[in-house]
Amino acid sequence: MAKIPAGPPLEGLRRQIARHRSGNPQRSDGLFVRETFRLDRMHARQKAQEWFDKWPKAAYWTEVESWRQLEGDEIEFTMRRLPSAD
């Protein structure tokens, strides 16, 4: 029976990840701006529309990253966008 070769050593990758994380401690993924809101349904739609009007999806990759319905008619949601359109 043929032996399956061992995978590559991962120590170099671990060092590279640790170096990257230590260089950017204030940013979790280093790319997106996120803001979380907790509003009633009508105001949540208005707030999301404001984001899409102010930061168009085509340029800023704006999107509703996550949302959930809470007690009553309240919605908690996170909006995400790029910091600039460059």
PDB file of N, CA and C in Angstrom:
ATOM      1  N   MET A   1       0.830  -1.184   0.000  1.00  0.00           N
ATOM      2  CA  MET A   1       0.000   0.000   0.000  1.00  0.00           C
ATOM      3  C   MET A   1       0.884   1.260   0.000  1.00  0.00           C
ATOM      4  N   ALA A   2       0.502   2.250  -0.773  1.00  0.00           N
ATOM      5  CA  ALA A   2       1.301   3.471  -0.883  1.00  0.00           C
ATOM      6  C   ALA A   2       1.119   4.341   0.357  1.00  0.00           C
ATOM      7  N   LYS A   3       2.215   4.959   0.779  1.00  0.00           N
ATOM      8  CA  LYS A   3       2.154   5.865   1.928  1.00  0.00           C
ATOM      9  C   LYS A   3       1.673   7.239   1.472  1.00  0.00           C
ATOM     10  N   ILE A   4       0.830   7.838   2.255  1.00  0.00           N
ATOM     11  CA  ILE A   4       0.375   9.203   1.971  1.00  0.00           C
ATOM     12  C   ILE A   4       1.428  10.143   2.538  1.00  0.00           C
ATOM     13  N   PRO A   5       1.955  11.048   1.706  1.00  0.00           N
ATOM     14  CA  PRO A   5       3.001  11.945   2.203  1.00  0.00           C
ATOM     15  C   PRO A   5       2.441  12.900   3.266  1.00  0.00           C
ATOM     16  N   ALA A   6       3.305  13.256   4.192  1.00  0.00           N
ATOM     17  CA  ALA A   6       2.917  14.204   5.244  1.00  0.00           C
ATOM     18  C   ALA A   6       2.691  15.575   4.632  1.00  0.00           C
ATOM     19  N   GLY A   7       1.840  16.371   5.272  1.00  0.00           N
ATOM     20  CA  GLY A   7       1.577  17.728   4.813  1.00  0.00           C
ATOM     21  C   GLY A   7       2.772  18.624   5.050  1.00  0.00           C
ATOM     22  N   PRO A   8       2.769  19.791   4.469  1.00  0.00           N
ATOM     23  CA  PRO A   8       3.896  20.709   4.645  1.00  0.00           C
ATOM     24  C   PRO A   8       3.946  21.221   6.079  1.00  0.00           C
ATOM     25  N   PRO A   9       5.130  21.616   6.537  1.00  0.00           N
ATOM     26  CA  PRO A   9       5.224  22.180   7.888  1.00  0.00           C
ATOM     27  C   PRO A   9       4.478  23.518   7.935  1.00  0.00           C
ATOM     28  N   LEU A  10       3.787  23.768   9.026  1.00  0.00           N
ATOM     29  CA  LEU A  10       2.953  24.974   9.131  1.00  0.00           C
ATOM     30  C   LEU A  10       3.561  26.068   9.997  1.00  0.00           C
ATOM     31  N   GLU A  11       4.755  25.839  10.519  1.00  0.00           N
ATOM     32  CA  GLU A  11       5.354  26.832  11.415  1.00  0.00           C
ATOM     33  C   GLU A  11       5.586  28.171  10.724  1.00  0.00           C
ATOM     34  N   GLY A  12       6.032  28.149   9.475  1.00  0.00           N
ATOM     35  CA  GLY A  12       6.248  29.401   8.750  1.00  0.00           C
ATOM     36  C   GLY A  12       4.946  30.174   8.565  1.00  0.00           C
ATOM     37  N   LEU A  13       3.875  29.477   8.254  1.00  0.00           N
ATOM     38  CA  LEU A  13       2.571  30.115   8.111  1.00  0.00           C
ATOM     39  C   LEU A  13       2.104  30.691   9.438  1.00  0.00           C
ATOM     40  N   ARG A  14       2.301  29.963  10.526  1.00  0.00           N
ATOM     41  CA  ARG A  14       1.913  30.468  11.857  1.00  0.00           C
ATOM     42  C   ARG A  14       2.663  31.754  12.197  1.00  0.00           C
ATOM     43  N   ARG A  15       3.966  31.794  11.896  1.00  0.00           N
ATOM     44  CA  ARG A  15       4.750  33.008  12.167  1.00  0.00           C
ATOM     45  C   ARG A  15       4.254  34.179  11.332  1.00  0.00           C
ATOM     46  N   GLN A  16       3.934  33.930  10.067  1.00  0.00           N
ATOM     47  CA  GLN A  16       3.454  34.993   9.184  1.00  0.00           C
ATOM     48  C   GLN A  16       2.110  35.539   9.665  1.00  0.00           C
ATOM     49  N   ILE A  17       1.206  34.681  10.087  1.00  0.00           N
ATOM     50  CA  ILE A  17      -0.094  35.121  10.613  1.00  0.00           C
ATOM     51  C   ILE A  17       0.098  35.928  11.886  1.00  0.00           C
ATOM     52  N   ALA A  18       0.944  35.450  12.793  1.00  0.00           N
ATOM     53  CA  ALA A  18       1.198  36.170  14.048  1.00  0.00           C
ATOM     54  C   ALA A  18       1.817  37.538  13.779  1.00  0.00           C
ATOM     55  N   ARG A  19       2.747  37.620  12.830  1.00  0.00           N
ATOM     56  CA  ARG A  19       3.380  38.892  12.480  1.00  0.00           C
ATOM     57  C   ARG A  19       2.344  39.868  11.928  1.00  0.00           C
ATOM     58  N   HIS A  20       1.462  39.382  11.066  1.00  0.00           N
ATOM     59  CA  HIS A  20       0.420  40.234  10.488  1.00  0.00           C
ATOM     60  C   HIS A  20      -0.540  40.738  11.568  1.00  0.00           C
ATOM     61  N   ARG A  21      -0.965  39.857  12.454  1.00  0.00           N
ATOM     62  CA  ARG A  21      -1.901  40.241  13.512  1.00  0.00           C
ATOM     63  C   ARG A  21      -1.277  41.220  14.488  1.00  0.00           C
ATOM     64  N   SER A  22      -0.015  41.065  14.806  1.00  0.00           N
ATOM     65  CA  SER A  22       0.634  41.986  15.750  1.00  0.00           C
ATOM     66  C   SER A  22       0.833  43.361  15.124  1.00  0.00           C
ATOM     67  N   GLY A  23       0.907  43.436  13.804  1.00  0.00           N
ATOM     68  CA  GLY A  23       1.079  44.709  13.120  1.00  0.00           C
ATOM     69  C   GLY A  23      -0.197  45.499  12.960  1.00  0.00           C
ATOM     70  N   ASN A  24      -1.369  44.864  13.078  1.00  0.00           N
ATOM     71  CA  ASN A  24      -2.672  45.514  12.903  1.00  0.00           C
ATOM     72  C   ASN A  24      -3.618  45.154  14.041  1.00  0.00           C
ATOM     73  N   PRO A  25      -3.275  45.454  15.304  1.00  0.00           N
ATOM     74  CA  PRO A  25      -4.145  45.020  16.391  1.00  0.00           C
ATOM     75  C   PRO A  25      -5.489  45.727  16.450  1.00  0.00           C
ATOM     76  N   GLN A  26      -5.594  46.939  15.921  1.00  0.00           N
ATOM     77  CA  GLN A  26      -6.843  47.690  16.023  1.00  0.00           C
ATOM     78  C   GLN A  26      -7.865  47.284  14.979  1.00  0.00           C
ATOM     79  N   ARG A  27      -7.497  46.550  13.956  1.00  0.00           N
ATOM     80  CA  ARG A  27      -8.422  46.180  12.885  1.00  0.00           C
ATOM     81  C   ARG A  27      -8.566  44.664  12.839  1.00  0.00           C
ATOM     82  N   SER A  28      -9.810  44.197  12.909  1.00  0.00           N
ATOM     83  CA  SER A  28     -10.029  42.755  12.921  1.00  0.00           C
ATOM     84  C   SER A  28      -9.739  42.114  11.569  1.00  0.00           C
ATOM     85  N   ASP A  29     -10.227  42.689  10.475  1.00  0.00           N
ATOM     86  CA  ASP A  29      -9.929  42.115   9.170  1.00  0.00           C
ATOM     87  C   ASP A  29      -9.197  43.100   8.273  1.00  0.00           C
ATOM     88  N   GLY A  30      -9.018  44.341   8.755  1.00  0.00           N
ATOM     89  CA  GLY A  30      -8.238  45.313   8.032  1.00  0.00           C
ATOM     90  C   GLY A  30      -8.874  45.854   6.771  1.00  0.00           C
ATOM     91  N   LEU A  31     -10.142  45.568   6.528  1.00  0.00           N
ATOM     92  CA  LEU A  31     -10.710  45.981   5.257  1.00  0.00           C
ATOM     93  C   LEU A  31     -12.003  46.772   5.403  1.00  0.00           C
ATOM     94  N   PHE A  32     -12.958  46.307   6.178  1.00  0.00           N
ATOM     95  CA  PHE A  32     -14.292  46.905   6.198  1.00  0.00           C
ATOM     96  C   PHE A  32     -14.558  47.779   7.416  1.00  0.00           C
ATOM     97  N   VAL A  33     -15.442  48.752   7.213  1.00  0.00           N
ATOM     98  CA  VAL A  33     -15.996  49.562   8.296  1.00  0.00           C
ATOM     99  C   VAL A  33     -17.357  48.959   8.626  1.00  0.00           C
ATOM    100  N   ARG A  34     -17.592  48.692   9.900  1.00  0.00           N
ATOM    101  CA  ARG A  34     -18.863  48.089  10.320  1.00  0.00           C
ATOM    102  C   ARG A  34     -19.520  48.959  11.381  1.00  0.00           C
ATOM    103  N   GLU A  35     -20.848  48.973  11.346  1.00  0.00           N
ATOM    104  CA  GLU A  35     -21.613  49.667  12.376  1.00  0.00           C
ATOM    105  C   GLU A  35     -22.886  48.864  12.633  1.00  0.00           C
ATOM    106  N   THR A  36     -23.181  48.659  13.912  1.00  0.00           N
ATOM    107  CA  THR A  36     -24.353  47.881  14.300  1.00  0.00           C
ATOM    108  C   THR A  36     -25.426  48.811  14.841  1.00  0.00           C
ATOM    109  N   PHE A  37     -26.664  48.559  14.446  1.00  0.00           N
ATOM    110  CA  PHE A  37     -27.804  49.370  14.846  1.00  0.00           C
ATOM    111  C   PHE A  37     -28.866  48.476  15.465  1.00  0.00           C
ATOM    112  N   ARG A  38     -29.695  49.071  16.310  1.00  0.00           N
ATOM    113  CA  ARG A  38     -30.847  48.378  16.906  1.00  0.00           C
ATOM    114  C   ARG A  38     -32.017  49.355  16.844  1.00  0.00           C
ATOM    115  N   LEU A  39     -32.886  49.163  15.842  1.00  0.00           N
ATOM    116  CA  LEU A  39     -33.962  50.113  15.563  1.00  0.00           C
ATOM    117  C   LEU A  39     -35.256  49.367  15.278  1.00  0.00           C
ATOM    118  N   ASP A  40     -36.387  50.108  15.343  1.00  0.00           N
ATOM    119  CA  ASP A  40     -37.641  49.485  14.922  1.00  0.00           C
ATOM    120  C   ASP A  40     -37.579  49.295  13.408  1.00  0.00           C
ATOM    121  N   ARG A  41     -38.429  48.435  12.885  1.00  0.00           N
ATOM    122  CA  ARG A  41     -38.361  48.014  11.484  1.00  0.00           C
ATOM    123  C   ARG A  41     -38.335  49.197  10.504  1.00  0.00           C
ATOM    124  N   MET A  42     -39.208  50.180  10.692  1.00  0.00           N
ATOM    125  CA  MET A  42     -39.278  51.304   9.771  1.00  0.00           C
ATOM    126  C   MET A  42     -37.972  52.113   9.785  1.00  0.00           C
ATOM    127  N   HIS A  43     -37.458  52.397  10.974  1.00  0.00           N
ATOM    128  CA  HIS A  43     -36.216  53.170  11.072  1.00  0.00           C
ATOM    129  C   HIS A  43     -35.010  52.353  10.610  1.00  0.00           C
ATOM    130  N   ALA A  44     -35.057  51.044  10.795  1.00  0.00           N
ATOM    131  CA  ALA A  44     -33.965  50.184  10.315  1.00  0.00           C
ATOM    132  C   ALA A  44     -33.877  50.250   8.789  1.00  0.00           C
ATOM    133  N   ARG A  45     -35.016  50.200   8.115  1.00  0.00           N
ATOM    134  CA  ARG A  45     -35.013  50.309   6.648  1.00  0.00           C
ATOM    135  C   ARG A  45     -34.480  51.665   6.208  1.00  0.00           C
ATOM    136  N   GLN A  46     -34.887  52.727   6.918  1.00  0.00           N
ATOM    137  CA  GLN A  46     -34.418  54.066   6.579  1.00  0.00           C
ATOM    138  C   GLN A  46     -32.901  54.178   6.764  1.00  0.00           C
ATOM    139  N   LYS A  47     -32.385  53.623   7.862  1.00  0.00           N
ATOM    140  CA  LYS A  47     -30.943  53.690   8.144  1.00  0.00           C
ATOM    141  C   LYS A  47     -30.159  52.917   7.088  1.00  0.00           C
ATOM    142  N   ALA A  48     -30.628  51.734   6.725  1.00  0.00           N
ATOM    143  CA  ALA A  48     -29.952  50.956   5.687  1.00  0.00           C
ATOM    144  C   ALA A  48     -29.963  51.721   4.361  1.00  0.00           C
ATOM    145  N   GLN A  49     -31.085  52.338   4.023  1.00  0.00           N
ATOM    146  CA  GLN A  49     -31.174  53.108   2.781  1.00  0.00           C
ATOM    147  C   GLN A  49     -30.223  54.302   2.809  1.00  0.00           C
ATOM    148  N   GLU A  50     -30.081  54.942   3.974  1.00  0.00           N
ATOM    149  CA  GLU A  50     -29.121  56.045   4.106  1.00  0.00           C
ATOM    150  C   GLU A  50     -27.707  55.574   3.775  1.00  0.00           C
ATOM    151  N   TRP A  51     -27.340  54.417   4.290  1.00  0.00           N
ATOM    152  CA  TRP A  51     -26.009  53.867   4.017  1.00  0.00           C
ATOM    153  C   TRP A  51     -25.831  53.628   2.519  1.00  0.00           C
ATOM    154  N   PHE A  52     -26.827  53.010   1.885  1.00  0.00           N
ATOM    155  CA  PHE A  52     -26.708  52.723   0.458  1.00  0.00           C
ATOM    156  C   PHE A  52     -26.687  54.005  -0.369  1.00  0.00           C
ATOM    157  N   ASP A  53     -27.395  55.063   0.078  1.00  0.00           N
ATOM    158  CA  ASP A  53     -27.369  56.342  -0.623  1.00  0.00           C
ATOM    159  C   ASP A  53     -26.026  57.036  -0.449  1.00  0.00           C
ATOM    160  N   LYS A  54     -25.503  57.020   0.779  1.00  0.00           N
ATOM    161  CA  LYS A  54     -24.249  57.716   1.092  1.00  0.00           C
ATOM    162  C   LYS A  54     -23.030  56.972   0.547  1.00  0.00           C
ATOM    163  N   TRP A  55     -23.038  55.647   0.652  1.00  0.00           N
ATOM    164  CA  TRP A  55     -21.924  54.807   0.188  1.00  0.00           C
ATOM    165  C   TRP A  55     -22.483  53.771  -0.789  1.00  0.00           C
ATOM    166  N   PRO A  56     -22.566  54.097  -2.087  1.00  0.00           N
ATOM    167  CA  PRO A  56     -23.172  53.184  -3.068  1.00  0.00           C
ATOM    168  C   PRO A  56     -22.494  51.813  -3.090  1.00  0.00           C
ATOM    169  N   LYS A  57     -23.310  50.795  -3.253  1.00  0.00           N
ATOM    170  CA  LYS A  57     -22.835  49.415  -3.227  1.00  0.00           C
ATOM    171  C   LYS A  57     -21.742  49.155  -4.266  1.00  0.00           C
ATOM    172  N   ALA A  58     -21.890  49.702  -5.459  1.00  0.00           N
ATOM    173  CA  ALA A  58     -20.924  49.444  -6.526  1.00  0.00           C
ATOM    174  C   ALA A  58     -19.523  49.941  -6.179  1.00  0.00           C
ATOM    175  N   ALA A  59     -19.417  51.046  -5.461  1.00  0.00           N
ATOM    176  CA  ALA A  59     -18.108  51.618  -5.139  1.00  0.00           C
ATOM    177  C   ALA A  59     -17.583  51.158  -3.782  1.00  0.00           C
ATOM    178  N   TYR A  60     -18.461  50.997  -2.802  1.00  0.00           N
ATOM    179  CA  TYR A  60     -18.039  50.719  -1.429  1.00  0.00           C
ATOM    180  C   TYR A  60     -18.351  49.298  -0.963  1.00  0.00           C
ATOM    181  N   TRP A  61     -18.952  48.488  -1.816  1.00  0.00           N
ATOM    182  CA  TRP A  61     -19.353  47.115  -1.457  1.00  0.00           C
ATOM    183  C   TRP A  61     -20.261  47.122  -0.232  1.00  0.00           C
ATOM    184  N   THR A  62     -21.096  48.127  -0.107  1.00  0.00           N
ATOM    185  CA  THR A  62     -21.993  48.272   1.029  1.00  0.00           C
ATOM    186  C   THR A  62     -22.995  47.124   1.057  1.00  0.00           C
ATOM    187  N   GLU A  63     -23.214  46.581   2.259  1.00  0.00           N
ATOM    188  CA  GLU A  63     -24.213  45.525   2.403  1.00  0.00           C
ATOM    189  C   GLU A  63     -24.651  45.404   3.857  1.00  0.00           C
ATOM    190  N   VAL A  64     -25.824  44.803   4.028  1.00  0.00           N
ATOM    191  CA  VAL A  64     -26.277  44.429   5.361  1.00  0.00           C
ATOM    192  C   VAL A  64     -25.566  43.112   5.660  1.00  0.00           C
ATOM    193  N   GLU A  65     -24.613  43.164   6.567  1.00  0.00           N
ATOM    194  CA  GLU A  65     -23.801  41.981   6.842  1.00  0.00           C
ATOM    195  C   GLU A  65     -24.585  40.917   7.601  1.00  0.00           C
ATOM    196  N   SER A  66     -25.356  41.357   8.590  1.00  0.00           N
ATOM    197  CA  SER A  66     -26.182  40.417   9.351  1.00  0.00           C
ATOM    198  C   SER A  66     -27.353  41.176   9.965  1.00  0.00           C
ATOM    199  N   TRP A  67     -28.408  40.435  10.270  1.00  0.00           N
ATOM    200  CA  TRP A  67     -29.550  41.055  10.937  1.00  0.00           C
ATOM    201  C   TRP A  67     -30.327  39.988  11.672  1.00  0.00           C
ATOM    202  N   ARG A  68     -31.095  40.447  12.669  1.00  0.00           N
ATOM    203  CA  ARG A  68     -31.985  39.546  13.402  1.00  0.00           C
ATOM    204  C   ARG A  68     -33.146  40.352  13.962  1.00  0.00           C
ATOM    205  N   GLN A  69     -34.274  39.688  14.077  1.00  0.00           N
ATOM    206  CA  GLN A  69     -35.461  40.324  14.622  1.00  0.00           C
ATOM    207  C   GLN A  69     -35.486  40.083  16.125  1.00  0.00           C
ATOM    208  N   LEU A  70     -35.729  41.141  16.882  1.00  0.00           N
ATOM    209  CA  LEU A  70     -35.784  41.061  18.334  1.00  0.00           C
ATOM    210  C   LEU A  70     -37.233  41.161  18.795  1.00  0.00           C
ATOM    211  N   GLU A  71     -37.424  41.281  20.081  1.00  0.00           N
ATOM    212  CA  GLU A  71     -38.769  41.427  20.656  1.00  0.00           C
ATOM    213  C   GLU A  71     -39.538  42.540  19.951  1.00  0.00           C
ATOM    214  N   GLY A  72     -40.791  42.302  19.739  1.00  0.00           N
ATOM    215  CA  GLY A  72     -41.634  43.310  19.096  1.00  0.00           C
ATOM    216  C   GLY A  72     -41.235  43.488  17.643  1.00  0.00           C
ATOM    217  N   ASP A  73     -41.103  44.729  17.233  1.00  0.00           N
ATOM    218  CA  ASP A  73     -40.805  45.049  15.839  1.00  0.00           C
ATOM    219  C   ASP A  73     -39.383  45.593  15.697  1.00  0.00           C
ATOM    220  N   GLU A  74     -38.497  45.226  16.625  1.00  0.00           N
ATOM    221  CA  GLU A  74     -37.140  45.763  16.635  1.00  0.00           C
ATOM    222  C   GLU A  74     -36.200  44.860  15.833  1.00  0.00           C
ATOM    223  N   ILE A  75     -35.287  45.500  15.094  1.00  0.00           N
ATOM    224  CA  ILE A  75     -34.315  44.801  14.265  1.00  0.00           C
ATOM    225  C   ILE A  75     -32.920  45.227  14.701  1.00  0.00           C
ATOM    226  N   GLU A  76     -32.040  44.255  14.889  1.00  0.00           N
ATOM    227  CA  GLU A  76     -30.621  44.541  15.127  1.00  0.00           C
ATOM    228  C   GLU A  76     -29.886  44.118  13.866  1.00  0.00           C
ATOM    229  N   PHE A  77     -29.078  45.031  13.301  1.00  0.00           N
ATOM    230  CA  PHE A  77     -28.393  44.713  12.058  1.00  0.00           C
ATOM    231  C   PHE A  77     -27.038  45.396  12.006  1.00  0.00           C
ATOM    232  N   THR A  78     -26.139  44.811  11.226  1.00  0.00           N
ATOM    233  CA  THR A  78     -24.798  45.348  11.041  1.00  0.00           C
ATOM    234  C   THR A  78     -24.612  45.699   9.582  1.00  0.00           C
ATOM    235  N   MET A  79     -24.228  46.943   9.341  1.00  0.00           N
ATOM    236  CA  MET A  79     -23.918  47.416   7.997  1.00  0.00           C
ATOM    237  C   MET A  79     -22.406  47.351   7.809  1.00  0.00           C
ATOM    238  N   ARG A  80     -21.984  47.033   6.584  1.00  0.00           N
ATOM    239  CA  ARG A  80     -20.568  46.900   6.288  1.00  0.00           C
ATOM    240  C   ARG A  80     -20.274  47.614   4.982  1.00  0.00           C
ATOM    241  N   ARG A  81     -19.109  48.283   4.921  1.00  0.00           N
ATOM    242  CA  ARG A  81     -18.682  48.970   3.697  1.00  0.00           C
ATOM    243  C   ARG A  81     -17.168  49.117   3.704  1.00  0.00           C
ATOM    244  N   LEU A  82     -16.615  49.415   2.535  1.00  0.00           N
ATOM    245  CA  LEU A  82     -15.202  49.735   2.445  1.00  0.00           C
ATOM    246  C   LEU A  82     -14.985  51.145   2.983  1.00  0.00           C
ATOM    247  N   PRO A  83     -13.806  51.440   3.535  1.00  0.00           N
ATOM    248  CA  PRO A  83     -13.566  52.779   4.069  1.00  0.00           C
ATOM    249  C   PRO A  83     -13.484  53.862   2.982  1.00  0.00           C
ATOM    250  N   SER A  84     -13.106  53.485   1.763  1.00  0.00           N
ATOM    251  CA  SER A  84     -13.065  54.449   0.671  1.00  0.00           C
ATOM    252  C   SER A  84     -13.378  53.732  -0.638  1.00  0.00           C
ATOM    253  N   ALA A  85     -13.655  54.509  -1.655  1.00  0.00           N
ATOM    254  CA  ALA A  85     -14.018  53.920  -2.958  1.00  0.00           C
ATOM    255  C   ALA A  85     -12.815  53.760  -3.871  1.00  0.00           C
ATOM    256  N   ASP A  86     -11.629  53.934  -3.347  1.00  0.00           N
ATOM    257  CA  ASP A  86     -10.404  53.814  -4.156  1.00  0.00           C
ATOM    258  C   ASP A  86     -10.177  52.428  -4.654  1.00  0.00           C
TER     259      ASP A  86
END
